[in-house]
C-alpha atoms as a PDB file:
ATOM      1  CA  MET A   1       0.258  -0.052  -0.072  1.00  0.00           C
ATOM      2  CA  LEU A   2       1.168   3.486  -0.817  1.00  0.00           C
ATOM      3  CA  PHE A   3      -0.307   4.926   2.280  1.00  0.00           C
ATOM      4  CA  LYS A   4      -0.870   3.931   5.836  1.00  0.00           C
ATOM      5  CA  ASN A   5      -4.582   2.946   5.923  1.00  0.00           C
ATOM      6  CA  SER A   6      -6.721   3.204   8.999  1.00  0.00           C
ATOM      7  CA  THR A   7      -9.786   3.309   6.981  1.00  0.00           C
ATOM      8  CA  GLY A   8     -10.091  -0.536   5.935  1.00  0.00           C
ATOM      9  CA  LEU A   9      -9.138   0.030   2.380  1.00  0.00           C
ATOM     10  CA  ALA A  10      -8.409  -2.930   0.633  1.00  0.00           C
ATOM     11  CA  PRO A  11      -5.253  -3.309  -1.983  1.00  0.00           C
ATOM     12  CA  GLY A  12      -6.095  -2.953  -5.590  1.00  0.00           C
ATOM     13  CA  LYS A  13      -4.721  -3.162  -8.921  1.00  0.00           C
ATOM     14  CA  ALA A  14      -2.803  -0.273 -10.680  1.00  0.00           C
ATOM     15  CA  THR A  15      -4.751   1.894 -12.847  1.00  0.00           C
ATOM     16  CA  ARG A  16      -2.911   1.155 -15.999  1.00  0.00           C
ATOM     17  CA  ASP A  17      -3.956  -2.612 -15.355  1.00  0.00           C
ATOM     18  CA  ALA A  18      -7.496  -1.437 -14.979  1.00  0.00           C
ATOM     19  CA  PHE A  19      -7.565   0.622 -18.109  1.00  0.00           C
ATOM     20  CA  GLY A  20      -6.182  -2.194 -20.079  1.00  0.00           C
ATOM     21  CA  ALA A  21      -8.646  -4.673 -18.847  1.00  0.00           C
ATOM     22  CA  ALA A  22     -11.222  -2.183 -19.555  1.00  0.00           C
ATOM     23  CA  LEU A  23      -9.890  -1.371 -23.068  1.00  0.00           C
ATOM     24  CA  ARG A  24     -10.037  -4.941 -24.102  1.00  0.00           C
ATOM     25  CA  GLU A  25     -13.399  -5.606 -22.782  1.00  0.00           C
ATOM     26  CA  ILE A  26     -14.604  -2.574 -24.850  1.00  0.00           C
ATOM     27  CA  GLY A  27     -12.589  -3.281 -28.026  1.00  0.00           C
ATOM     28  CA  ALA A  28     -15.035  -6.412 -28.465  1.00  0.00           C
ATOM     29  CA  GLU A  29     -17.959  -3.863 -28.713  1.00  0.00           C
ATOM     30  CA  ARG A  30     -16.466  -1.168 -30.672  1.00  0.00           C
ATOM     31  CA  GLN A  31     -15.164  -2.218 -33.883  1.00  0.00           C
ATOM     32  CA  GLU A  32     -14.073   1.490 -34.537  1.00  0.00           C
ATOM     33  CA  ILE A  33     -11.484   1.503 -31.971  1.00  0.00           C
ATOM     34  CA  ILE A  34      -7.875   1.764 -33.363  1.00  0.00           C
ATOM     35  CA  VAL A  35      -5.041   1.453 -30.674  1.00  0.00           C
ATOM     36  CA  ILE A  36      -1.436   3.118 -31.245  1.00  0.00           C
ATOM     37  CA  ASP A  37       1.300   2.460 -28.742  1.00  0.00           C
ATOM     38  CA  GLY A  38       4.740   3.576 -28.721  1.00  0.00           C
ATOM     39  CA  ASP A  39       6.595   0.276 -28.170  1.00  0.00           C
ATOM     40  CA  VAL A  40       5.410   0.381 -24.384  1.00  0.00           C
ATOM     41  CA  GLY A  41       2.541  -1.654 -24.324  1.00  0.00           C
ATOM     42  CA  ASN A  42       3.586  -4.043 -21.860  1.00  0.00           C
ATOM     43  CA  SER A  43       3.871  -1.262 -19.463  1.00  0.00           C
ATOM     44  CA  THR A  44       0.525   0.584 -20.640  1.00  0.00           C
ATOM     45  CA  ARG A  45      -1.100  -2.518 -20.801  1.00  0.00           C
ATOM     46  CA  THR A  46      -2.350  -1.831 -24.335  1.00  0.00           C
ATOM     47  CA  GLU A  47      -0.946  -5.256 -25.236  1.00  0.00           C
ATOM     48  CA  TYR A  48      -4.332  -6.625 -23.741  1.00  0.00           C
ATOM     49  CA  PHE A  49      -6.029  -4.992 -26.708  1.00  0.00           C
ATOM     50  CA  ALA A  50      -3.241  -6.076 -29.059  1.00  0.00           C
ATOM     51  CA  LYS A  51      -3.477  -9.626 -28.118  1.00  0.00           C
ATOM     52  CA  GLU A  52      -7.126 -10.028 -28.654  1.00  0.00           C
ATOM     53  CA  TYR A  53      -7.382  -7.430 -31.831  1.00  0.00           C
ATOM     54  CA  PRO A  54      -4.112  -7.531 -33.459  1.00  0.00           C
ATOM     55  CA  ASP A  55      -5.204  -6.098 -36.771  1.00  0.00           C
ATOM     56  CA  ARG A  56      -6.440  -3.037 -34.742  1.00  0.00           C
ATOM     57  CA  PHE A  57      -3.576  -2.251 -32.902  1.00  0.00           C
ATOM     58  CA  PHE A  58      -0.044  -0.574 -34.226  1.00  0.00           C
ATOM     59  CA  ASN A  59       3.209  -0.173 -32.453  1.00  0.00           C
ATOM     60  CA  LEU A  60       4.905   2.748 -34.080  1.00  0.00           C
ATOM     61  CA  GLY A  61       7.953   2.748 -32.085  1.00  0.00           C
ATOM     62  CA  ILE A  62       9.373   5.710 -29.803  1.00  0.00           C
ATOM     63  CA  ALA A  63       7.976   8.243 -32.074  1.00  0.00           C
ATOM     64  CA  GLU A  64       5.397  10.076 -30.080  1.00  0.00           C
ATOM     65  CA  SER A  65       4.815  12.860 -32.469  1.00  0.00           C
ATOM     66  CA  ASN A  66       4.254  10.403 -35.384  1.00  0.00           C
ATOM     67  CA  MET A  67       1.756   8.541 -33.160  1.00  0.00           C
ATOM     68  CA  ILE A  68      -0.294  11.603 -32.891  1.00  0.00           C
ATOM     69  CA  SER A  69      -0.158  12.475 -36.568  1.00  0.00           C
ATOM     70  CA  VAL A  70      -1.418   8.881 -37.476  1.00  0.00           C
ATOM     71  CA  ALA A  71      -4.112   8.973 -34.755  1.00  0.00           C
ATOM     72  CA  SER A  72      -5.314  12.216 -36.094  1.00  0.00           C
ATOM     73  CA  GLY A  73      -5.593  10.530 -39.694  1.00  0.00           C
ATOM     74  CA  PHE A  74      -7.451   7.284 -38.253  1.00  0.00           C
ATOM     75  CA  ALA A  75      -9.973  10.050 -36.487  1.00  0.00           C
ATOM     76  CA  SER A  76     -10.529  11.850 -39.535  1.00  0.00           C
ATOM     77  CA  SER A  77     -11.580   8.670 -41.364  1.00  0.00           C
ATOM     78  CA  GLY A  78     -14.083   8.107 -38.583  1.00  0.00           C
ATOM     79  CA  LYS A  79     -12.412   6.062 -36.149  1.00  0.00           C
ATOM     80  CA  ILE A  80     -11.779   6.362 -32.579  1.00  0.00           C
ATOM     81  CA  ALA A  81      -8.029   6.561 -32.073  1.00  0.00           C
ATOM     82  CA  LEU A  82      -6.559   5.937 -28.706  1.00  0.00           C
ATOM     83  CA  VAL A  83      -2.748   6.770 -28.194  1.00  0.00           C
ATOM     84  CA  SER A  84      -0.812   5.382 -25.182  1.00  0.00           C
ATOM     85  CA  SER A  85       2.547   5.769 -23.974  1.00  0.00           C
ATOM     86  CA  PHE A  86       4.273   7.316 -20.731  1.00  0.00           C
ATOM     87  CA  ALA A  87       2.570  10.208 -19.745  1.00  0.00           C
ATOM     88  CA  VAL A  88       6.035  12.189 -19.768  1.00  0.00           C
ATOM     89  CA  PHE A  89       6.453  11.087 -23.323  1.00  0.00           C
ATOM     90  CA  LEU A  90       3.128  11.586 -24.859  1.00  0.00           C
ATOM     91  CA  LEU A  91       2.419  14.937 -23.497  1.00  0.00           C
ATOM     92  CA  ASP A  92       5.620  16.589 -23.405  1.00  0.00           C
ATOM     93  CA  ASN A  93       7.271  15.085 -26.658  1.00  0.00           C
ATOM     94  CA  ALA A  94       4.267  15.722 -28.775  1.00  0.00           C
ATOM     95  CA  TYR A  95       2.748  18.586 -27.411  1.00  0.00           C
ATOM     96  CA  ASP A  96       2.429  20.668 -30.526  1.00  0.00           C
ATOM     97  CA  GLN A  97       0.941  17.511 -32.382  1.00  0.00           C
ATOM     98  CA  ILE A  98      -1.559  17.071 -29.924  1.00  0.00           C
ATOM     99  CA  ARG A  99      -2.365  21.034 -30.001  1.00  0.00           C
ATOM    100  CA  MET A 100      -2.581  20.914 -33.957  1.00  0.00           C
ATOM    101  CA  GLY A 101      -3.596  17.752 -34.913  1.00  0.00           C
ATOM    102  CA  VAL A 102      -5.979  16.573 -31.904  1.00  0.00           C
ATOM    103  CA  ALA A 103      -7.274  19.648 -29.721  1.00  0.00           C
ATOM    104  CA  PHE A 104      -7.572  22.474 -32.517  1.00  0.00           C
ATOM    105  CA  PRO A 105      -9.611  20.447 -35.128  1.00  0.00           C
ATOM    106  CA  ASN A 106     -11.542  18.751 -32.032  1.00  0.00           C
ATOM    107  CA  LEU A 107     -10.786  15.221 -33.346  1.00  0.00           C
ATOM    108  CA  ASN A 108     -12.035  12.084 -31.654  1.00  0.00           C
ATOM    109  CA  VAL A 109      -8.460  10.798 -30.189  1.00  0.00           C
ATOM    110  CA  LYS A 110      -8.027   9.574 -26.908  1.00  0.00           C
ATOM    111  CA  LEU A 111      -4.524   9.958 -25.055  1.00  0.00           C
ATOM    112  CA  VAL A 112      -3.633   7.776 -22.478  1.00  0.00           C
ATOM    113  CA  GLY A 113      -0.522   8.646 -20.459  1.00  0.00           C
ATOM    114  CA  SER A 114       0.689   5.882 -17.878  1.00  0.00           C
ATOM    115  CA  HIS A 115       3.433   5.765 -15.507  1.00  0.00           C
ATOM    116  CA  SER A 116       2.299   9.432 -14.505  1.00  0.00           C
ATOM    117  CA  GLY A 117       3.498  11.171 -11.214  1.00  0.00           C
ATOM    118  CA  ILE A 118       6.458  10.653  -8.926  1.00  0.00           C
ATOM    119  CA  SER A 119       5.167   7.250  -7.645  1.00  0.00           C
ATOM    120  CA  ILE A 120       6.681   5.782 -10.682  1.00  0.00           C
ATOM    121  CA  GLY A 121       9.736   5.425  -8.235  1.00  0.00           C
ATOM    122  CA  GLU A 122      13.128   4.274  -9.298  1.00  0.00           C
ATOM    123  CA  ASP A 123      12.940   5.307 -13.010  1.00  0.00           C
ATOM    124  CA  GLY A 124      13.691   9.066 -11.940  1.00  0.00           C
ATOM    125  CA  PRO A 125      12.649  12.427 -12.875  1.00  0.00           C
ATOM    126  CA  SER A 126      13.088  12.114 -16.658  1.00  0.00           C
ATOM    127  CA  GLN A 127      10.248   9.645 -16.820  1.00  0.00           C
ATOM    128  CA  MET A 128       7.970  11.326 -13.970  1.00  0.00           C
ATOM    129  CA  ALA A 129       5.020  13.386 -15.774  1.00  0.00           C
ATOM    130  CA  ILE A 130       4.336  16.156 -13.143  1.00  0.00           C
ATOM    131  CA  GLU A 131       3.195  18.764 -15.525  1.00  0.00           C
ATOM    132  CA  ASP A 132       1.006  16.877 -17.626  1.00  0.00           C
ATOM    133  CA  ILE A 133      -2.440  17.914 -16.305  1.00  0.00           C
ATOM    134  CA  ALA A 134      -1.385  21.398 -16.840  1.00  0.00           C
ATOM    135  CA  LEU A 135      -0.422  20.721 -20.565  1.00  0.00           C
ATOM    136  CA  ALA A 136      -3.494  18.927 -21.139  1.00  0.00           C
ATOM    137  CA  THR A 137      -6.055  21.227 -19.295  1.00  0.00           C
ATOM    138  CA  ALA A 138      -4.486  24.302 -21.388  1.00  0.00           C
ATOM    139  CA  LEU A 139      -5.873  22.767 -24.651  1.00  0.00           C
ATOM    140  CA  PRO A 140      -9.249  23.826 -25.953  1.00  0.00           C
ATOM    141  CA  ASN A 141     -11.612  20.871 -26.230  1.00  0.00           C
ATOM    142  CA  MET A 142      -9.652  18.644 -24.243  1.00  0.00           C
ATOM    143  CA  VAL A 143     -11.176  16.762 -21.361  1.00  0.00           C
ATOM    144  CA  VAL A 144      -8.981  15.733 -18.584  1.00  0.00           C
ATOM    145  CA  ILE A 145      -9.476  12.658 -16.361  1.00  0.00           C
ATOM    146  CA  VAL A 146      -7.463  11.196 -13.247  1.00  0.00           C
ATOM    147  CA  PRO A 147      -9.022   8.148 -11.720  1.00  0.00           C
ATOM    148  CA  ALA A 148      -8.377   7.011  -8.088  1.00  0.00           C
ATOM    149  CA  ASP A 149      -8.521   3.200  -8.301  1.00  0.00           C
ATOM    150  CA  GLU A 150      -9.196   0.001 -10.752  1.00  0.00           C
ATOM    151  CA  SER A 151     -13.229   0.593 -10.721  1.00  0.00           C
ATOM    152  CA  SER A 152     -12.989   4.048 -11.379  1.00  0.00           C
ATOM    153  CA  THR A 153     -10.577   3.632 -13.914  1.00  0.00           C
ATOM    154  CA  ARG A 154     -12.810   0.849 -15.956  1.00  0.00           C
ATOM    155  CA  ALA A 155     -15.652   3.517 -15.711  1.00  0.00           C
ATOM    156  CA  ALA A 156     -13.431   6.418 -16.919  1.00  0.00           C
ATOM    157  CA  THR A 157     -12.075   4.478 -19.636  1.00  0.00           C
ATOM    158  CA  ARG A 158     -15.608   3.590 -20.954  1.00  0.00           C
ATOM    159  CA  ALA A 159     -16.495   7.446 -20.575  1.00  0.00           C
ATOM    160  CA  MET A 160     -13.608   8.331 -22.539  1.00  0.00           C
ATOM    161  CA  ILE A 161     -14.637   5.787 -25.458  1.00  0.00           C
ATOM    162  CA  ASP A 162     -18.140   7.199 -25.347  1.00  0.00           C
ATOM    163  CA  HIS A 163     -17.340  10.991 -25.481  1.00  0.00           C
ATOM    164  CA  PRO A 164     -17.187  12.774 -28.791  1.00  0.00           C
ATOM    165  CA  GLY A 165     -13.889  14.193 -28.800  1.00  0.00           C
ATOM    166  CA  PRO A 166     -10.475  14.618 -27.205  1.00  0.00           C
ATOM    167  CA  VAL A 167      -9.783  13.044 -23.743  1.00  0.00           C
ATOM    168  CA  TYR A 168      -6.572  12.593 -21.808  1.00  0.00           C
ATOM    169  CA  LEU A 169      -6.731  10.042 -19.199  1.00  0.00           C
ATOM    170  CA  ARG A 170      -3.934   9.640 -16.608  1.00  0.00           C
ATOM    171  CA  THR A 171      -3.164   6.454 -15.230  1.00  0.00           C
ATOM    172  CA  GLY A 172      -0.400   5.059 -13.077  1.00  0.00           C
ATOM    173  CA  ARG A 173       1.964   2.239 -12.287  1.00  0.00           C
ATOM    174  CA  PRO A 174       1.789   1.496  -8.538  1.00  0.00           C
ATOM    175  CA  ALA A 175      -1.147  -0.889  -7.231  1.00  0.00           C
ATOM    176  CA  VAL A 176      -3.314   1.512  -5.391  1.00  0.00           C
ATOM    177  CA  PRO A 177      -6.034   1.236  -2.427  1.00  0.00           C
ATOM    178  CA  VAL A 178      -9.717   0.051  -3.643  1.00  0.00           C
ATOM    179  CA  ILE A 179     -11.722   3.525  -3.486  1.00  0.00           C
ATOM    180  CA  TYR A 180     -14.982   2.144  -4.529  1.00  0.00           C
ATOM    181  CA  PRO A 181     -15.035  -1.571  -3.084  1.00  0.00           C
ATOM    182  CA  ASP A 182     -18.534  -2.778  -4.917  1.00  0.00           C
ATOM    183  CA  GLY A 183     -16.438  -2.594  -8.079  1.00  0.00           C
ATOM    184  CA  SER A 184     -18.804  -0.068  -9.826  1.00  0.00           C
ATOM    185  CA  ALA A 185     -17.891   3.394  -9.318  1.00  0.00           C
ATOM    186  CA  SER A 186     -20.207   5.869 -10.405  1.00  0.00           C
ATOM    187  CA  PHE A 187     -18.497   8.086 -13.109  1.00  0.00           C
ATOM    188  CA  GLU A 188     -19.652  11.109 -15.236  1.00  0.00           C
ATOM    189  CA  ILE A 189     -17.571  13.178 -16.741  1.00  0.00           C
ATOM    190  CA  GLY A 190     -17.490  16.663 -14.990  1.00  0.00           C
ATOM    191  CA  LYS A 191     -19.088  15.188 -11.937  1.00  0.00           C
ATOM    192  CA  ALA A 192     -17.254  14.812  -8.679  1.00  0.00           C
ATOM    193  CA  ASN A 193     -18.110  11.801  -6.334  1.00  0.00           C
ATOM    194  CA  ARG A 194     -18.377  12.487  -2.812  1.00  0.00           C
ATOM    195  CA  LEU A 195     -16.827   9.862  -0.603  1.00  0.00           C
ATOM    196  CA  ARG A 196     -17.223  11.224   2.812  1.00  0.00           C
ATOM    197  CA  GLU A 197     -19.514  13.857   4.497  1.00  0.00           C
ATOM    198  CA  GLY A 198     -18.171  16.555   6.488  1.00  0.00           C
ATOM    199  CA  ALA A 199     -19.273  19.994   7.588  1.00  0.00           C
ATOM    200  CA  ASN A 200     -15.895  21.423   8.807  1.00  0.00           C
ATOM    201  CA  LEU A 201     -14.195  21.353   5.687  1.00  0.00           C
ATOM    202  CA  THR A 202     -13.702  19.709   2.270  1.00  0.00           C
ATOM    203  CA  ILE A 203     -10.750  17.773   1.067  1.00  0.00           C
ATOM    204  CA  ILE A 204     -10.804  17.610  -3.027  1.00  0.00           C
ATOM    205  CA  ALA A 205      -8.246  14.935  -4.556  1.00  0.00           C
ATOM    206  CA  CYS A 206      -7.631  13.075  -7.596  1.00  0.00           C
ATOM    207  CA  GLY A 207      -5.756   9.913  -8.511  1.00  0.00           C
ATOM    208  CA  ILE A 208      -3.809   8.297  -5.955  1.00  0.00           C
ATOM    209  CA  MET A 209      -4.169  11.566  -3.412  1.00  0.00           C
ATOM    210  CA  VAL A 210      -7.961  10.269  -2.881  1.00  0.00           C
ATOM    211  CA  ALA A 211      -6.980   7.358  -0.690  1.00  0.00           C
ATOM    212  CA  ALA A 212      -4.459   9.757   1.150  1.00  0.00           C
ATOM    213  CA  ALA A 213      -7.459  12.440   1.559  1.00  0.00           C
ATOM    214  CA  LEU A 214      -9.337   9.775   2.840  1.00  0.00           C
ATOM    215  CA  GLU A 215      -6.803   8.600   5.466  1.00  0.00           C
ATOM    216  CA  ALA A 216      -6.322  12.224   6.418  1.00  0.00           C
ATOM    217  CA  ALA A 217     -10.196  12.655   6.995  1.00  0.00           C
ATOM    218  CA  HIS A 218     -10.066   9.887   9.385  1.00  0.00           C
ATOM    219  CA  GLN A 219      -7.231  11.324  11.281  1.00  0.00           C
ATOM    220  CA  LEU A 220      -9.087  14.485  11.474  1.00  0.00           C
ATOM    221  CA  SER A 221     -12.138  12.891  12.850  1.00  0.00           C
ATOM    222  CA  GLN A 222     -10.167  11.519  15.705  1.00  0.00           C
ATOM    223  CA  GLU A 223      -9.646  15.049  16.583  1.00  0.00           C
ATOM    224  CA  GLY A 224     -13.285  16.032  16.298  1.00  0.00           C
ATOM    225  CA  ILE A 225     -12.873  17.669  12.678  1.00  0.00           C
ATOM    226  CA  GLU A 226     -15.147  16.241  10.180  1.00  0.00           C
ATOM    227  CA  ALA A 227     -14.014  16.591   6.744  1.00  0.00           C
ATOM    228  CA  ARG A 228     -15.924  16.186   3.211  1.00  0.00           C
ATOM    229  CA  VAL A 229     -13.982  14.109   0.763  1.00  0.00           C
ATOM    230  CA  LEU A 230     -14.451  14.683  -3.030  1.00  0.00           C
ATOM    231  CA  ASP A 231     -12.974  12.377  -5.795  1.00  0.00           C
ATOM    232  CA  MET A 232     -12.497  15.272  -8.234  1.00  0.00           C
ATOM    233  CA  HIS A 233     -11.662  12.560 -11.025  1.00  0.00           C
ATOM    234  CA  THR A 234     -12.292  14.913 -13.899  1.00  0.00           C
ATOM    235  CA  ILE A 235     -10.153  17.976 -13.687  1.00  0.00           C
ATOM    236  CA  LYS A 236     -11.438  19.456 -16.749  1.00  0.00           C
ATOM    237  CA  PRO A 237     -14.497  19.948 -17.279  1.00  0.00           C
ATOM    238  CA  LEU A 238     -14.143  20.708 -13.380  1.00  0.00           C
ATOM    239  CA  ASP A 239     -17.242  20.192 -11.214  1.00  0.00           C
ATOM    240  CA  ILE A 240     -17.855  23.785 -10.471  1.00  0.00           C
ATOM    241  CA  ALA A 241     -21.054  23.152  -8.721  1.00  0.00           C
ATOM    242  CA  ALA A 242     -19.540  20.744  -6.178  1.00  0.00           C
ATOM    243  CA  VAL A 243     -16.537  22.978  -5.745  1.00  0.00           C
ATOM    244  CA  GLU A 244     -18.851  26.012  -4.697  1.00  0.00           C
ATOM    245  CA  ALA A 245     -21.297  23.671  -2.607  1.00  0.00           C
ATOM    246  CA  ALA A 246     -17.731  22.807  -0.672  1.00  0.00           C
ATOM    247  CA  ALA A 247     -16.875  26.448  -0.374  1.00  0.00           C
ATOM    248  CA  ARG A 248     -20.489  27.679   0.931  1.00  0.00           C
ATOM    249  CA  GLU A 249     -21.086  24.546   3.107  1.00  0.00           C
ATOM    250  CA  THR A 250     -18.004  23.702   4.748  1.00  0.00           C
ATOM    251  CA  GLY A 251     -15.889  26.980   4.584  1.00  0.00           C
ATOM    252  CA  ALA A 252     -12.462  25.697   3.752  1.00  0.00           C
ATOM    253  CA  ILE A 253     -10.615  23.600   1.273  1.00  0.00           C
ATOM    254  CA  VAL A 254      -7.723  21.431   0.844  1.00  0.00           C
ATOM    255  CA  THR A 255      -6.807  19.989  -2.492  1.00  0.00           C
ATOM    256  CA  ALA A 256      -4.184  17.165  -3.088  1.00  0.00           C
ATOM    257  CA  GLU A 257      -2.897  15.792  -6.231  1.00  0.00           C
ATOM    258  CA  GLU A 258       0.204  14.214  -7.660  1.00  0.00           C
ATOM    259  CA  HIS A 259       1.332  16.980  -9.841  1.00  0.00           C
ATOM    260  CA  LEU A 260       2.860  20.378  -9.962  1.00  0.00           C
ATOM    261  CA  LEU A 261       0.650  23.012  -7.891  1.00  0.00           C
ATOM    262  CA  GLU A 262       0.863  25.033 -11.127  1.00  0.00           C
ATOM    263  CA  GLY A 263      -1.837  24.156 -13.537  1.00  0.00           C
ATOM    264  CA  GLY A 264      -3.127  21.370 -11.663  1.00  0.00           C
ATOM    265  CA  LEU A 265      -6.123  20.453  -9.560  1.00  0.00           C
ATOM    266  CA  GLY A 266      -5.421  23.126  -7.018  1.00  0.00           C
ATOM    267  CA  ALA A 267      -5.017  25.803  -9.558  1.00  0.00           C
ATOM    268  CA  ALA A 268      -8.527  24.745 -10.989  1.00  0.00           C
ATOM    269  CA  VAL A 269     -10.384  24.679  -7.783  1.00  0.00           C
ATOM    270  CA  ALA A 270      -8.675  27.828  -6.648  1.00  0.00           C
ATOM    271  CA  ARG A 271     -10.148  29.667  -9.942  1.00  0.00           C
ATOM    272  CA  ALA A 272     -13.313  28.185  -9.071  1.00  0.00           C
ATOM    273  CA  VAL A 273     -13.410  29.264  -5.586  1.00  0.00           C
ATOM    274  CA  ALA A 274     -12.391  32.708  -6.221  1.00  0.00           C
ATOM    275  CA  GLU A 275     -15.000  33.203  -9.302  1.00  0.00           C
ATOM    276  CA  ASN A 276     -18.137  31.795  -6.863  1.00  0.00           C
ATOM    277  CA  PHE A 277     -17.455  31.774  -3.320  1.00  0.00           C
ATOM    278  CA  PRO A 278     -13.896  32.938  -1.812  1.00  0.00           C
ATOM    279  CA  VAL A 279     -12.860  30.784   1.392  1.00  0.00           C
ATOM    280  CA  PRO A 280      -9.334  29.771   2.537  1.00  0.00           C
ATOM    281  CA  ILE A 281      -7.436  27.265   0.707  1.00  0.00           C
ATOM    282  CA  ALA A 282      -4.480  25.105   1.115  1.00  0.00           C
ATOM    283  CA  PHE A 283      -2.452  22.949  -1.538  1.00  0.00           C
ATOM    284  CA  VAL A 284      -0.987  19.745  -1.237  1.00  0.00           C
ATOM    285  CA  GLY A 285       1.125  18.915  -4.195  1.00  0.00           C
ATOM    286  CA  ILE A 286       4.788  19.035  -5.850  1.00  0.00           C
ATOM    287  CA  LYS A 287       6.087  22.535  -5.435  1.00  0.00           C
ATOM    288  CA  ASP A 288       8.167  23.682  -8.166  1.00  0.00           C
ATOM    289  CA  ARG A 289      10.747  21.067  -8.510  1.00  0.00           C
ATOM    290  CA  TYR A 290      11.670  17.853  -9.964  1.00  0.00           C
ATOM    291  CA  ALA A 291      11.768  14.660  -8.026  1.00  0.00           C
ATOM    292  CA  GLN A 292      14.644  12.498  -7.525  1.00  0.00           C
ATOM    293  CA  SER A 293      14.764   8.465  -7.903  1.00  0.00           C
ATOM    294  CA  GLY A 294      13.742   6.283  -5.156  1.00  0.00           C
ATOM    295  CA  PRO A 295      11.136   3.776  -3.639  1.00  0.00           C
ATOM    296  CA  PRO A 296       7.601   5.263  -4.565  1.00  0.00           C
ATOM    297  CA  GLU A 297       6.711   5.188  -0.829  1.00  0.00           C
ATOM    298  CA  THR A 298      10.046   7.158   0.095  1.00  0.00           C
ATOM    299  CA  LEU A 299       9.334   9.796  -2.618  1.00  0.00           C
ATOM    300  CA  LEU A 300       5.757  10.398  -1.849  1.00  0.00           C
ATOM    301  CA  GLU A 301       6.941  11.230   1.828  1.00  0.00           C
ATOM    302  CA  ALA A 302      10.048  13.293   0.678  1.00  0.00           C
ATOM    303  CA  TYR A 303       7.698  15.557  -1.555  1.00  0.00           C
ATOM    304  CA  GLY A 304       4.794  15.627   0.872  1.00  0.00           C
ATOM    305  CA  LEU A 305       2.279  13.834  -0.541  1.00  0.00           C
ATOM    306  CA  THR A 306       0.891  11.968   2.159  1.00  0.00           C
ATOM    307  CA  PRO A 307      -2.050  11.826   4.405  1.00  0.00           C
ATOM    308  CA  ASP A 308      -0.060  13.356   7.190  1.00  0.00           C
ATOM    309  CA  ALA A 309       0.580  16.527   4.614  1.00  0.00           C
ATOM    310  CA  ILE A 310      -3.183  16.582   4.202  1.00  0.00           C
ATOM    311  CA  HIS A 311      -3.999  16.451   7.837  1.00  0.00           C
ATOM    312  CA  GLN A 312      -1.535  19.283   8.535  1.00  0.00           C
ATOM    313  CA  ALA A 313      -2.804  21.609   5.943  1.00  0.00           C
ATOM    314  CA  ALA A 314      -6.306  20.827   6.855  1.00  0.00           C
ATOM    315  CA  LEU A 315      -5.489  22.234  10.436  1.00  0.00           C
ATOM    316  CA  GLU A 316      -3.546  25.463   8.790  1.00  0.00           C
ATOM    317  CA  VAL A 317      -6.557  26.410   6.749  1.00  0.00           C
ATOM    318  CA  LEU A 318      -8.649  26.065   9.688  1.00  0.00           C
ATOM    319  CA  GLU A 319      -6.424  28.037  11.567  1.00  0.00           C
ATOM    320  CA  ARG A 320      -6.543  30.918   8.733  1.00  0.00           C
ATOM    321  CA  ARG A 321     -10.164  30.879   8.381  1.00  0.00           C
ATOM    322  CA  SER A 322     -10.615  31.058  12.063  1.00  0.00           C
ATOM    323  CA  ALA A 323      -8.139  34.101  12.220  1.00  0.00           C
ATOM    324  CA  ASN A 324     -10.332  35.892   9.598  1.00  0.00           C
ATOM    325  CA  GLU A 325     -13.797  35.159  11.489  1.00  0.00           C
ATOM    326  CA  PRO A 326     -15.517  37.451  13.710  1.00  0.00           C
ATOM    327  CA  GLN A 327     -15.095  36.592  17.605  1.00  0.00           C
ATOM    328  CA  SER A 328     -18.715  35.284  17.602  1.00  0.00           C
ATOM    329  CA  GLY A 329     -17.531  32.118  15.888  1.00  0.00           C
ATOM    330  CA  HIS A 330     -18.214  30.464  12.450  1.00  0.00           C
ATOM    331  CA  PRO A 331     -21.128  28.153  11.885  1.00  0.00           C
ATOM    332  CA  HIS A 332     -18.852  25.575  10.364  1.00  0.00           C
ATOM    333  CA  GLN A 333     -17.005  24.935  13.624  1.00  0.00           C
END
């Protein structure tokens, strides 16, 4: 398990594994799906699809820009073109082609970035996508999805295929806790899932940090602080209604993400809060630096992506809110 777990979350699969299994299943239903990979199908798990439907799978080698151009051609011909590689290779190497060949013409191309974040561990900073969400959300027409566990990834993969336009789906390498134990996560693009009720503040997280948020909420509850927890699986379009409701009803927000603070989930939430109902916000994420190589658990601890970091951010944001309140108190306390 990536995080200490006092909430009873069971161990689960990696989101990349769940994506591969879902794609294989959907491939039998949707004959128009074409899958393109950059010679890393054994890692991205597109190999699951390749083994079942070899005539619809294309390994184009380590040539991400070319992959996007080919996918654009397939999409222009009426196919659903899915391109997969490591997130850092796909978004960073082929950004101009994604911009001009996918986002600008609003083509039905699906981008799946595997091995995202610093939790890939020993592969090191050259392999760690920590700016991919910022890059993807900056593109007009692009939907950006960051699922939290295997169940939500399966549902997200299906929603991605059904969506008529460009989508970026972010998956990860390590096994993650099961957030949706019944195996059937509720998933709607642009609609956050409320995982825990609470009136004192709201923790909004995505990806692997959802499990950390639930653990932090459990810690806070031991201190008499009840935190609402939102799984904000869609970064774009953001569920602005859920963010505004969190601000109005709980009075303080903490965001948590395995990404740079610039341009990620926290930045999107902050904008929504500023435009709709300003409240104190604290941000847990990577702070303007690249990570070193090391075991995933060690890196997450070193760069402040832990339940303890969320817990501390919650206490700090509550203190800031309290300092700005009238002496008569605040209804959320």
